[in-house]
PDB file of all heavy atoms in Angstrom:
ATOM      1  N   PHE A   1      -9.276 220.551  40.636  1.00  0.00           N
ATOM      2  CA  PHE A   1      -9.600 220.852  42.027  1.00  0.00           C
ATOM      3  C   PHE A   1     -10.216 219.638  42.714  1.00  0.00           C
ATOM      4  O   PHE A   1      -9.895 219.335  43.859  1.00  0.00           O
ATOM      5  CB  PHE A   1     -10.532 222.048  42.128  1.00  0.00           C
ATOM      6  CG  PHE A   1      -9.872 223.379  41.898  1.00  0.00           C
ATOM      7  CD1 PHE A   1     -10.627 224.533  41.873  1.00  0.00           C
ATOM      8  CD2 PHE A   1      -8.511 223.502  41.696  1.00  0.00           C
ATOM      9  CE1 PHE A   1     -10.043 225.773  41.671  1.00  0.00           C
ATOM     10  CE2 PHE A   1      -7.906 224.727  41.480  1.00  0.00           C
ATOM     11  CZ  PHE A   1      -8.672 225.872  41.478  1.00  0.00           C
ATOM     12  N   MET A   2     -11.098 218.948  42.016  1.00  0.00           N
ATOM     13  CA  MET A   2     -11.729 217.760  42.602  1.00  0.00           C
ATOM     14  C   MET A   2     -10.694 216.673  42.842  1.00  0.00           C
ATOM     15  O   MET A   2     -10.776 215.936  43.827  1.00  0.00           O
ATOM     16  CB  MET A   2     -12.850 217.260  41.698  1.00  0.00           C
ATOM     17  CG  MET A   2     -14.051 218.187  41.717  1.00  0.00           C
ATOM     18  SD  MET A   2     -15.323 217.846  40.479  1.00  0.00           S
ATOM     19  CE  MET A   2     -15.529 216.101  40.543  1.00  0.00           C
ATOM     20  N   ALA A   3      -9.704 216.589  41.985  1.00  0.00           N
ATOM     21  CA  ALA A   3      -8.664 215.574  42.139  1.00  0.00           C
ATOM     22  C   ALA A   3      -7.793 215.833  43.362  1.00  0.00           C
ATOM     23  O   ALA A   3      -7.173 214.905  43.880  1.00  0.00           O
ATOM     24  CB  ALA A   3      -7.789 215.533  40.883  1.00  0.00           C
ATOM     25  N   THR A   4      -7.757 217.066  43.825  1.00  0.00           N
ATOM     26  CA  THR A   4      -6.920 217.383  44.986  1.00  0.00           C
ATOM     27  C   THR A   4      -7.643 217.158  46.308  1.00  0.00           C
ATOM     28  O   THR A   4      -7.034 217.237  47.362  1.00  0.00           O
ATOM     29  CB  THR A   4      -6.435 218.843  44.941  1.00  0.00           C
ATOM     30  OG1 THR A   4      -7.565 219.713  45.044  1.00  0.00           O
ATOM     31  CG2 THR A   4      -5.657 219.138  43.688  1.00  0.00           C
ATOM     32  N   VAL A   5      -8.922 216.840  46.259  1.00  0.00           N
ATOM     33  CA  VAL A   5      -9.705 216.697  47.485  1.00  0.00           C
ATOM     34  C   VAL A   5      -9.135 215.623  48.406  1.00  0.00           C
ATOM     35  O   VAL A   5      -8.981 215.834  49.600  1.00  0.00           O
ATOM     36  CB  VAL A   5     -11.188 216.395  47.159  1.00  0.00           C
ATOM     37  CG1 VAL A   5     -11.968 215.995  48.395  1.00  0.00           C
ATOM     38  CG2 VAL A   5     -11.821 217.611  46.510  1.00  0.00           C
ATOM     39  N   ASN A   6      -8.804 214.467  47.860  1.00  0.00           N
ATOM     40  CA  ASN A   6      -8.274 213.403  48.714  1.00  0.00           C
ATOM     41  C   ASN A   6      -6.761 213.253  48.595  1.00  0.00           C
ATOM     42  O   ASN A   6      -6.190 212.349  49.173  1.00  0.00           O
ATOM     43  CB  ASN A   6      -8.979 212.072  48.443  1.00  0.00           C
ATOM     44  CG  ASN A   6      -8.675 211.512  47.075  1.00  0.00           C
ATOM     45  OD1 ASN A   6      -7.954 212.103  46.281  1.00  0.00           O
ATOM     46  ND2 ASN A   6      -9.223 210.350  46.793  1.00  0.00           N
ATOM     47  N   PHE A   7      -6.130 214.125  47.857  1.00  0.00           N
ATOM     48  CA  PHE A   7      -4.677 214.187  47.701  1.00  0.00           C
ATOM     49  C   PHE A   7      -4.069 212.946  47.062  1.00  0.00           C
ATOM     50  O   PHE A   7      -2.875 212.774  47.060  1.00  0.00           O
ATOM     51  CB  PHE A   7      -3.991 214.468  49.043  1.00  0.00           C
ATOM     52  CG  PHE A   7      -4.486 215.722  49.687  1.00  0.00           C
ATOM     53  CD1 PHE A   7      -5.334 215.668  50.777  1.00  0.00           C
ATOM     54  CD2 PHE A   7      -4.136 216.958  49.191  1.00  0.00           C
ATOM     55  CE1 PHE A   7      -5.808 216.824  51.363  1.00  0.00           C
ATOM     56  CE2 PHE A   7      -4.609 218.120  49.773  1.00  0.00           C
ATOM     57  CZ  PHE A   7      -5.446 218.050  50.865  1.00  0.00           C
ATOM     58  N   GLU A   8      -4.915 212.063  46.549  1.00  0.00           N
ATOM     59  CA  GLU A   8      -4.412 210.872  45.883  1.00  0.00           C
ATOM     60  C   GLU A   8      -5.262 210.581  44.659  1.00  0.00           C
ATOM     61  O   GLU A   8      -6.482 210.594  44.739  1.00  0.00           O
ATOM     62  CB  GLU A   8      -4.519 209.648  46.801  1.00  0.00           C
ATOM     63  CG  GLU A   8      -3.503 209.584  47.887  1.00  0.00           C
ATOM     64  CD  GLU A   8      -3.660 208.316  48.707  1.00  0.00           C
ATOM     65  OE1 GLU A   8      -4.123 207.291  48.145  1.00  0.00           O
ATOM     66  OE2 GLU A   8      -3.341 208.349  49.887  1.00  0.00           O
ATOM     67  N   LEU A   9      -4.609 210.313  43.573  1.00  0.00           N
ATOM     68  CA  LEU A   9      -5.309 209.819  42.390  1.00  0.00           C
ATOM     69  C   LEU A   9      -4.813 208.406  42.151  1.00  0.00           C
ATOM     70  O   LEU A   9      -3.603 208.179  42.109  1.00  0.00           O
ATOM     71  CB  LEU A   9      -4.995 210.664  41.159  1.00  0.00           C
ATOM     72  CG  LEU A   9      -5.603 212.044  41.053  1.00  0.00           C
ATOM     73  CD1 LEU A   9      -5.145 212.714  39.765  1.00  0.00           C
ATOM     74  CD2 LEU A   9      -7.108 211.982  41.097  1.00  0.00           C
ATOM     75  N   ASP A  10      -5.752 207.469  42.030  1.00  0.00           N
ATOM     76  CA  ASP A  10      -5.284 206.138  41.668  1.00  0.00           C
ATOM     77  C   ASP A  10      -4.915 206.188  40.183  1.00  0.00           C
ATOM     78  O   ASP A  10      -5.238 207.153  39.487  1.00  0.00           O
ATOM     79  CB  ASP A  10      -6.314 205.061  42.013  1.00  0.00           C
ATOM     80  CG  ASP A  10      -7.581 205.111  41.183  1.00  0.00           C
ATOM     81  OD1 ASP A  10      -7.517 205.418  39.976  1.00  0.00           O
ATOM     82  OD2 ASP A  10      -8.651 204.831  41.746  1.00  0.00           O
ATOM     83  N   PRO A  11      -4.206 205.195  39.682  1.00  0.00           N
ATOM     84  CA  PRO A  11      -3.747 205.241  38.289  1.00  0.00           C
ATOM     85  C   PRO A  11      -4.882 205.444  37.277  1.00  0.00           C
ATOM     86  O   PRO A  11      -4.714 206.144  36.287  1.00  0.00           O
ATOM     87  CB  PRO A  11      -3.077 203.876  38.089  1.00  0.00           C
ATOM     88  CG  PRO A  11      -2.629 203.492  39.457  1.00  0.00           C
ATOM     89  CD  PRO A  11      -3.676 204.032  40.399  1.00  0.00           C
ATOM     90  N   ARG A  12      -6.034 204.852  37.537  1.00  0.00           N
ATOM     91  CA  ARG A  12      -7.170 205.010  36.617  1.00  0.00           C
ATOM     92  C   ARG A  12      -7.675 206.444  36.616  1.00  0.00           C
ATOM     93  O   ARG A  12      -7.947 207.017  35.565  1.00  0.00           O
ATOM     94  CB  ARG A  12      -8.278 204.046  37.013  1.00  0.00           C
ATOM     95  CG  ARG A  12      -9.362 203.918  35.985  1.00  0.00           C
ATOM     96  CD  ARG A  12     -10.407 202.963  36.441  1.00  0.00           C
ATOM     97  NE  ARG A  12     -11.090 203.584  37.577  1.00  0.00           N
ATOM     98  CZ  ARG A  12     -12.195 203.148  38.122  1.00  0.00           C
ATOM     99  NH1 ARG A  12     -12.743 202.063  37.683  1.00  0.00           N
ATOM    100  NH2 ARG A  12     -12.751 203.768  39.122  1.00  0.00           N
ATOM    101  N   GLU A  13      -7.781 207.057  37.804  1.00  0.00           N
ATOM    102  CA  GLU A  13      -8.205 208.453  37.898  1.00  0.00           C
ATOM    103  C   GLU A  13      -7.193 209.370  37.225  1.00  0.00           C
ATOM    104  O   GLU A  13      -7.564 210.317  36.531  1.00  0.00           O
ATOM    105  CB  GLU A  13      -8.360 208.876  39.358  1.00  0.00           C
ATOM    106  CG  GLU A  13      -9.518 208.249  40.076  1.00  0.00           C
ATOM    107  CD  GLU A  13      -9.516 208.557  41.558  1.00  0.00           C
ATOM    108  OE1 GLU A  13      -8.423 208.569  42.176  1.00  0.00           O
ATOM    109  OE2 GLU A  13     -10.601 208.794  42.101  1.00  0.00           O
ATOM    110  N   GLN A  14      -5.908 209.097  37.439  1.00  0.00           N
ATOM    111  CA  GLN A  14      -4.855 209.905  36.837  1.00  0.00           C
ATOM    112  C   GLN A  14      -4.937 209.845  35.316  1.00  0.00           C
ATOM    113  O   GLN A  14      -4.849 210.872  34.645  1.00  0.00           O
ATOM    114  CB  GLN A  14      -3.479 209.432  37.309  1.00  0.00           C
ATOM    115  CG  GLN A  14      -2.327 210.251  36.770  1.00  0.00           C
ATOM    116  CD  GLN A  14      -2.320 211.685  37.271  1.00  0.00           C
ATOM    117  OE1 GLN A  14      -2.604 211.936  38.429  1.00  0.00           O
ATOM    118  NE2 GLN A  14      -2.002 212.623  36.405  1.00  0.00           N
ATOM    119  N   GLN A  15      -5.140 208.655  34.770  1.00  0.00           N
ATOM    120  CA  GLN A  15      -5.237 208.505  33.318  1.00  0.00           C
ATOM    121  C   GLN A  15      -6.474 209.220  32.774  1.00  0.00           C
ATOM    122  O   GLN A  15      -6.407 209.889  31.739  1.00  0.00           O
ATOM    123  CB  GLN A  15      -5.262 207.029  32.914  1.00  0.00           C
ATOM    124  CG  GLN A  15      -5.230 206.821  31.419  1.00  0.00           C
ATOM    125  CD  GLN A  15      -3.984 207.423  30.788  1.00  0.00           C
ATOM    126  OE1 GLN A  15      -2.868 207.092  31.187  1.00  0.00           O
ATOM    127  NE2 GLN A  15      -4.159 208.306  29.822  1.00  0.00           N
ATOM    128  N   LEU A  16      -7.591 209.108  33.484  1.00  0.00           N
ATOM    129  CA  LEU A  16      -8.810 209.789  33.056  1.00  0.00           C
ATOM    130  C   LEU A  16      -8.610 211.295  33.053  1.00  0.00           C
ATOM    131  O   LEU A  16      -9.009 211.982  32.111  1.00  0.00           O
ATOM    132  CB  LEU A  16      -9.980 209.405  33.965  1.00  0.00           C
ATOM    133  CG  LEU A  16     -11.330 209.999  33.601  1.00  0.00           C
ATOM    134  CD1 LEU A  16     -11.765 209.557  32.207  1.00  0.00           C
ATOM    135  CD2 LEU A  16     -12.373 209.608  34.636  1.00  0.00           C
ATOM    136  N   PHE A  17      -7.949 211.817  34.081  1.00  0.00           N
ATOM    137  CA  PHE A  17      -7.680 213.250  34.132  1.00  0.00           C
ATOM    138  C   PHE A  17      -6.772 213.668  32.975  1.00  0.00           C
ATOM    139  O   PHE A  17      -7.031 214.663  32.297  1.00  0.00           O
ATOM    140  CB  PHE A  17      -7.058 213.651  35.470  1.00  0.00           C
ATOM    141  CG  PHE A  17      -6.711 215.105  35.548  1.00  0.00           C
ATOM    142  CD1 PHE A  17      -7.718 216.054  35.698  1.00  0.00           C
ATOM    143  CD2 PHE A  17      -5.408 215.540  35.438  1.00  0.00           C
ATOM    144  CE1 PHE A  17      -7.424 217.409  35.743  1.00  0.00           C
ATOM    145  CE2 PHE A  17      -5.107 216.888  35.490  1.00  0.00           C
ATOM    146  CZ  PHE A  17      -6.110 217.826  35.638  1.00  0.00           C
ATOM    147  N   GLU A  18      -5.724 212.903  32.723  1.00  0.00           N
ATOM    148  CA  GLU A  18      -4.809 213.219  31.621  1.00  0.00           C
ATOM    149  C   GLU A  18      -5.540 213.164  30.281  1.00  0.00           C
ATOM    150  O   GLU A  18      -5.311 214.014  29.418  1.00  0.00           O
ATOM    151  CB  GLU A  18      -3.606 212.268  31.626  1.00  0.00           C
ATOM    152  CG  GLU A  18      -2.701 212.407  32.837  1.00  0.00           C
ATOM    153  CD  GLU A  18      -2.104 213.801  33.006  1.00  0.00           C
ATOM    154  OE1 GLU A  18      -1.835 214.484  31.993  1.00  0.00           O
ATOM    155  OE2 GLU A  18      -1.910 214.215  34.164  1.00  0.00           O
ATOM    156  N   ASP A  19      -6.412 212.185  30.111  1.00  0.00           N
ATOM    157  CA  ASP A  19      -7.202 212.093  28.880  1.00  0.00           C
ATOM    158  C   ASP A  19      -8.095 213.323  28.720  1.00  0.00           C
ATOM    159  O   ASP A  19      -8.208 213.885  27.629  1.00  0.00           O
ATOM    160  CB  ASP A  19      -8.072 210.835  28.874  1.00  0.00           C
ATOM    161  CG  ASP A  19      -7.269 209.558  28.746  1.00  0.00           C
ATOM    162  OD1 ASP A  19      -6.059 209.627  28.431  1.00  0.00           O
ATOM    163  OD2 ASP A  19      -7.859 208.479  28.986  1.00  0.00           O
ATOM    164  N   LEU A  20      -8.727 213.731  29.816  1.00  0.00           N
ATOM    165  CA  LEU A  20      -9.596 214.901  29.780  1.00  0.00           C
ATOM    166  C   LEU A  20      -8.810 216.145  29.382  1.00  0.00           C
ATOM    167  O   LEU A  20      -9.230 216.913  28.518  1.00  0.00           O
ATOM    168  CB  LEU A  20     -10.256 215.121  31.146  1.00  0.00           C
ATOM    169  CG  LEU A  20     -11.133 216.361  31.263  1.00  0.00           C
ATOM    170  CD1 LEU A  20     -12.358 216.252  30.365  1.00  0.00           C
ATOM    171  CD2 LEU A  20     -11.531 216.587  32.709  1.00  0.00           C
ATOM    172  N   VAL A  21      -7.651 216.333  29.992  1.00  0.00           N
ATOM    173  CA  VAL A  21      -6.809 217.497  29.675  1.00  0.00           C
ATOM    174  C   VAL A  21      -6.448 217.494  28.191  1.00  0.00           C
ATOM    175  O   VAL A  21      -6.543 218.516  27.518  1.00  0.00           O
ATOM    176  CB  VAL A  21      -5.542 217.515  30.559  1.00  0.00           C
ATOM    177  CG1 VAL A  21      -4.543 218.560  30.082  1.00  0.00           C
ATOM    178  CG2 VAL A  21      -5.918 217.761  32.021  1.00  0.00           C
ATOM    179  N   GLU A  22      -6.069 216.335  27.681  1.00  0.00           N
ATOM    180  CA  GLU A  22      -5.699 216.227  26.268  1.00  0.00           C
ATOM    181  C   GLU A  22      -6.889 216.520  25.350  1.00  0.00           C
ATOM    182  O   GLU A  22      -6.780 217.270  24.381  1.00  0.00           O
ATOM    183  CB  GLU A  22      -5.152 214.825  25.988  1.00  0.00           C
ATOM    184  CG  GLU A  22      -4.635 214.639  24.592  1.00  0.00           C
ATOM    185  CD  GLU A  22      -3.350 215.390  24.327  1.00  0.00           C
ATOM    186  OE1 GLU A  22      -2.583 215.640  25.266  1.00  0.00           O
ATOM    187  OE2 GLU A  22      -3.124 215.746  23.152  1.00  0.00           O
ATOM    188  N   LEU A  23      -8.029 215.946  25.670  1.00  0.00           N
ATOM    189  CA  LEU A  23      -9.219 216.127  24.831  1.00  0.00           C
ATOM    190  C   LEU A  23      -9.724 217.567  24.819  1.00  0.00           C
ATOM    191  O   LEU A  23     -10.267 218.028  23.815  1.00  0.00           O
ATOM    192  CB  LEU A  23     -10.341 215.198  25.300  1.00  0.00           C
ATOM    193  CG  LEU A  23     -10.122 213.721  25.026  1.00  0.00           C
ATOM    194  CD1 LEU A  23     -11.116 212.886  25.823  1.00  0.00           C
ATOM    195  CD2 LEU A  23     -10.239 213.435  23.539  1.00  0.00           C
ATOM    196  N   MET A  24      -9.549 218.282  25.911  1.00  0.00           N
ATOM    197  CA  MET A  24     -10.035 219.654  25.989  1.00  0.00           C
ATOM    198  C   MET A  24      -9.137 220.628  25.235  1.00  0.00           C
ATOM    199  O   MET A  24      -9.489 221.779  25.032  1.00  0.00           O
ATOM    200  CB  MET A  24     -10.198 220.092  27.445  1.00  0.00           C
ATOM    201  CG  MET A  24     -11.353 219.408  28.137  1.00  0.00           C
ATOM    202  SD  MET A  24     -12.916 219.788  27.318  1.00  0.00           S
ATOM    203  CE  MET A  24     -14.042 218.869  28.297  1.00  0.00           C
ATOM    204  N   ALA A  25      -7.976 220.167  24.818  1.00  0.00           N
ATOM    205  CA  ALA A  25      -7.075 220.941  23.949  1.00  0.00           C
ATOM    206  C   ALA A  25      -6.796 222.343  24.486  1.00  0.00           C
ATOM    207  O   ALA A  25      -6.862 223.328  23.752  1.00  0.00           O
ATOM    208  CB  ALA A  25      -7.641 221.009  22.529  1.00  0.00           C
ATOM    209  N   LEU A  26      -6.429 222.402  25.762  1.00  0.00           N
ATOM    210  CA  LEU A  26      -6.041 223.690  26.343  1.00  0.00           C
ATOM    211  C   LEU A  26      -4.617 224.026  25.929  1.00  0.00           C
ATOM    212  O   LEU A  26      -3.821 223.133  25.617  1.00  0.00           O
ATOM    213  CB  LEU A  26      -6.116 223.627  27.869  1.00  0.00           C
ATOM    214  CG  LEU A  26      -7.473 223.313  28.484  1.00  0.00           C
ATOM    215  CD1 LEU A  26      -7.374 223.323  30.007  1.00  0.00           C
ATOM    216  CD2 LEU A  26      -8.538 224.274  28.019  1.00  0.00           C
ATOM    217  N   THR A  27      -4.294 225.288  25.969  1.00  0.00           N
ATOM    218  CA  THR A  27      -2.919 225.690  25.660  1.00  0.00           C
ATOM    219  C   THR A  27      -1.991 225.149  26.752  1.00  0.00           C
ATOM    220  O   THR A  27      -2.419 224.859  27.876  1.00  0.00           O
ATOM    221  CB  THR A  27      -2.773 227.218  25.604  1.00  0.00           C
ATOM    222  OG1 THR A  27      -3.010 227.747  26.916  1.00  0.00           O
ATOM    223  CG2 THR A  27      -3.715 227.842  24.581  1.00  0.00           C
ATOM    224  N   ARG A  28      -0.736 225.013  26.417  1.00  0.00           N
ATOM    225  CA  ARG A  28       0.255 224.550  27.395  1.00  0.00           C
ATOM    226  C   ARG A  28       0.269 225.456  28.609  1.00  0.00           C
ATOM    227  O   ARG A  28       0.310 225.000  29.747  1.00  0.00           O
ATOM    228  CB  ARG A  28       1.651 224.506  26.751  1.00  0.00           C
ATOM    229  CG  ARG A  28       2.735 223.987  27.695  1.00  0.00           C
ATOM    230  CD  ARG A  28       4.096 223.894  27.019  1.00  0.00           C
ATOM    231  NE  ARG A  28       4.474 225.083  26.285  1.00  0.00           N
ATOM    232  CZ  ARG A  28       4.981 226.199  26.847  1.00  0.00           C
ATOM    233  NH1 ARG A  28       5.143 226.268  28.134  1.00  0.00           N
ATOM    234  NH2 ARG A  28       5.326 227.229  26.106  1.00  0.00           N
ATOM    235  N   GLU A  29       0.185 226.766  28.378  1.00  0.00           N
ATOM    236  CA  GLU A  29       0.198 227.724  29.477  1.00  0.00           C
ATOM    237  C   GLU A  29      -0.997 227.545  30.402  1.00  0.00           C
ATOM    238  O   GLU A  29      -0.866 227.605  31.625  1.00  0.00           O
ATOM    239  CB  GLU A  29       0.233 229.163  28.946  1.00  0.00           C
ATOM    240  CG  GLU A  29       1.507 229.525  28.216  1.00  0.00           C
ATOM    241  CD  GLU A  29       1.534 229.076  26.751  1.00  0.00           C
ATOM    242  OE1 GLU A  29       0.484 228.601  26.232  1.00  0.00           O
ATOM    243  OE2 GLU A  29       2.598 229.173  26.128  1.00  0.00           O
ATOM    244  N   ASP A  30      -2.169 227.305  29.817  1.00  0.00           N
ATOM    245  CA  ASP A  30      -3.360 227.102  30.640  1.00  0.00           C
ATOM    246  C   ASP A  30      -3.284 225.791  31.414  1.00  0.00           C
ATOM    247  O   ASP A  30      -3.700 225.725  32.572  1.00  0.00           O
ATOM    248  CB  ASP A  30      -4.633 227.159  29.790  1.00  0.00           C
ATOM    249  CG  ASP A  30      -5.032 228.590  29.438  1.00  0.00           C
ATOM    250  OD1 ASP A  30      -4.525 229.542  30.076  1.00  0.00           O
ATOM    251  OD2 ASP A  30      -5.858 228.757  28.522  1.00  0.00           O
ATOM    252  N   ARG A  31      -2.757 224.753  30.791  1.00  0.00           N
ATOM    253  CA  ARG A  31      -2.595 223.478  31.516  1.00  0.00           C
ATOM    254  C   ARG A  31      -1.667 223.666  32.709  1.00  0.00           C
ATOM    255  O   ARG A  31      -1.954 223.181  33.806  1.00  0.00           O
ATOM    256  CB  ARG A  31      -2.058 222.398  30.583  1.00  0.00           C
ATOM    257  CG  ARG A  31      -3.059 221.942  29.536  1.00  0.00           C
ATOM    258  CD  ARG A  31      -2.590 220.699  28.792  1.00  0.00           C
ATOM    259  NE  ARG A  31      -1.234 220.769  28.291  1.00  0.00           N
ATOM    260  CZ  ARG A  31      -0.900 221.101  27.040  1.00  0.00           C
ATOM    261  NH1 ARG A  31      -1.843 221.384  26.162  1.00  0.00           N
ATOM    262  NH2 ARG A  31       0.356 221.116  26.670  1.00  0.00           N
ATOM    263  N   GLU A  32      -0.565 224.377  32.511  1.00  0.00           N
ATOM    264  CA  GLU A  32       0.377 224.618  33.603  1.00  0.00           C
ATOM    265  C   GLU A  32      -0.259 225.462  34.704  1.00  0.00           C
ATOM    266  O   GLU A  32      -0.073 225.191  35.891  1.00  0.00           O
ATOM    267  CB  GLU A  32       1.638 225.303  33.070  1.00  0.00           C
ATOM    268  CG  GLU A  32       2.497 224.381  32.221  1.00  0.00           C
ATOM    269  CD  GLU A  32       3.644 225.105  31.526  1.00  0.00           C
ATOM    270  OE1 GLU A  32       3.872 226.307  31.798  1.00  0.00           O
ATOM    271  OE2 GLU A  32       4.308 224.457  30.708  1.00  0.00           O
ATOM    272  N   LEU A  33      -1.006 226.479  34.314  1.00  0.00           N
ATOM    273  CA  LEU A  33      -1.686 227.335  35.288  1.00  0.00           C
ATOM    274  C   LEU A  33      -2.667 226.515  36.132  1.00  0.00           C
ATOM    275  O   LEU A  33      -2.699 226.645  37.360  1.00  0.00           O
ATOM    276  CB  LEU A  33      -2.421 228.472  34.581  1.00  0.00           C
ATOM    277  CG  LEU A  33      -3.317 229.344  35.459  1.00  0.00           C
ATOM    278  CD1 LEU A  33      -2.512 230.033  36.555  1.00  0.00           C
ATOM    279  CD2 LEU A  33      -4.053 230.360  34.606  1.00  0.00           C
ATOM    280  N   ILE A  34      -3.444 225.674  35.501  1.00  0.00           N
ATOM    281  CA  ILE A  34      -4.405 224.852  36.232  1.00  0.00           C
ATOM    282  C   ILE A  34      -3.687 223.921  37.201  1.00  0.00           C
ATOM    283  O   ILE A  34      -4.102 223.771  38.355  1.00  0.00           O
ATOM    284  CB  ILE A  34      -5.312 224.074  35.253  1.00  0.00           C
ATOM    285  CG1 ILE A  34      -6.288 225.058  34.585  1.00  0.00           C
ATOM    286  CG2 ILE A  34      -6.051 222.941  35.958  1.00  0.00           C
ATOM    287  CD1 ILE A  34      -7.077 224.472  33.433  1.00  0.00           C
ATOM    288  N   ARG A  35      -2.609 223.329  36.775  1.00  0.00           N
ATOM    289  CA  ARG A  35      -1.849 222.446  37.674  1.00  0.00           C
ATOM    290  C   ARG A  35      -1.285 223.235  38.856  1.00  0.00           C
ATOM    291  O   ARG A  35      -1.309 222.752  39.992  1.00  0.00           O
ATOM    292  CB  ARG A  35      -0.741 221.729  36.910  1.00  0.00           C
ATOM    293  CG  ARG A  35      -1.274 220.681  35.954  1.00  0.00           C
ATOM    294  CD  ARG A  35      -0.135 219.946  35.243  1.00  0.00           C
ATOM    295  NE  ARG A  35      -0.577 219.234  34.075  1.00  0.00           N
ATOM    296  CZ  ARG A  35      -1.226 218.070  34.083  1.00  0.00           C
ATOM    297  NH1 ARG A  35      -1.534 217.511  35.204  1.00  0.00           N
ATOM    298  NH2 ARG A  35      -1.578 217.495  32.950  1.00  0.00           N
ATOM    299  N   GLU A  36      -0.799 224.437  38.606  1.00  0.00           N
ATOM    300  CA  GLU A  36      -0.275 225.279  39.688  1.00  0.00           C
ATOM    301  C   GLU A  36      -1.386 225.648  40.677  1.00  0.00           C
ATOM    302  O   GLU A  36      -1.191 225.592  41.890  1.00  0.00           O
ATOM    303  CB  GLU A  36       0.345 226.556  39.124  1.00  0.00           C
ATOM    304  CG  GLU A  36       1.650 226.342  38.405  1.00  0.00           C
ATOM    305  CD  GLU A  36       2.108 227.592  37.646  1.00  0.00           C
ATOM    306  OE1 GLU A  36       1.579 228.691  37.901  1.00  0.00           O
ATOM    307  OE2 GLU A  36       2.992 227.442  36.793  1.00  0.00           O
ATOM    308  N   GLU A  37      -2.550 226.040  40.152  1.00  0.00           N
ATOM    309  CA  GLU A  37      -3.670 226.419  41.013  1.00  0.00           C
ATOM    310  C   GLU A  37      -4.126 225.224  41.855  1.00  0.00           C
ATOM    311  O   GLU A  37      -4.414 225.376  43.042  1.00  0.00           O
ATOM    312  CB  GLU A  37      -4.832 226.966  40.180  1.00  0.00           C
ATOM    313  CG  GLU A  37      -4.524 228.290  39.507  1.00  0.00           C
ATOM    314  CD  GLU A  37      -4.323 229.420  40.506  1.00  0.00           C
ATOM    315  OE1 GLU A  37      -5.256 229.715  41.274  1.00  0.00           O
ATOM    316  OE2 GLU A  37      -3.230 230.011  40.516  1.00  0.00           O
ATOM    317  N   ALA A  38      -4.196 224.053  41.251  1.00  0.00           N
ATOM    318  CA  ALA A  38      -4.606 222.858  41.993  1.00  0.00           C
ATOM    319  C   ALA A  38      -3.567 222.496  43.050  1.00  0.00           C
ATOM    320  O   ALA A  38      -3.926 222.097  44.162  1.00  0.00           O
ATOM    321  CB  ALA A  38      -4.824 221.691  41.029  1.00  0.00           C
ATOM    322  N   SER A  39      -2.297 222.662  42.729  1.00  0.00           N
ATOM    323  CA  SER A  39      -1.237 222.380  43.702  1.00  0.00           C
ATOM    324  C   SER A  39      -1.326 223.304  44.905  1.00  0.00           C
ATOM    325  O   SER A  39      -1.159 222.875  46.048  1.00  0.00           O
ATOM    326  CB  SER A  39       0.145 222.516  43.057  1.00  0.00           C
ATOM    327  OG  SER A  39       0.322 221.532  42.079  1.00  0.00           O
TER     328      SER A  39
END
C-alpha cells in the first residue's frame, strides 16, 4: 500500500519490496491477493 502512494517505485525500492515479499515467505495466493489489493 505504501508503495502505491506515489505510483512509482524506483529500481531500488522495487528490489527492496521484492526482497521483503520473498523473506516473509507468503503463499503464492497471498502474494497475488496483496498485489491485487494494492493495484
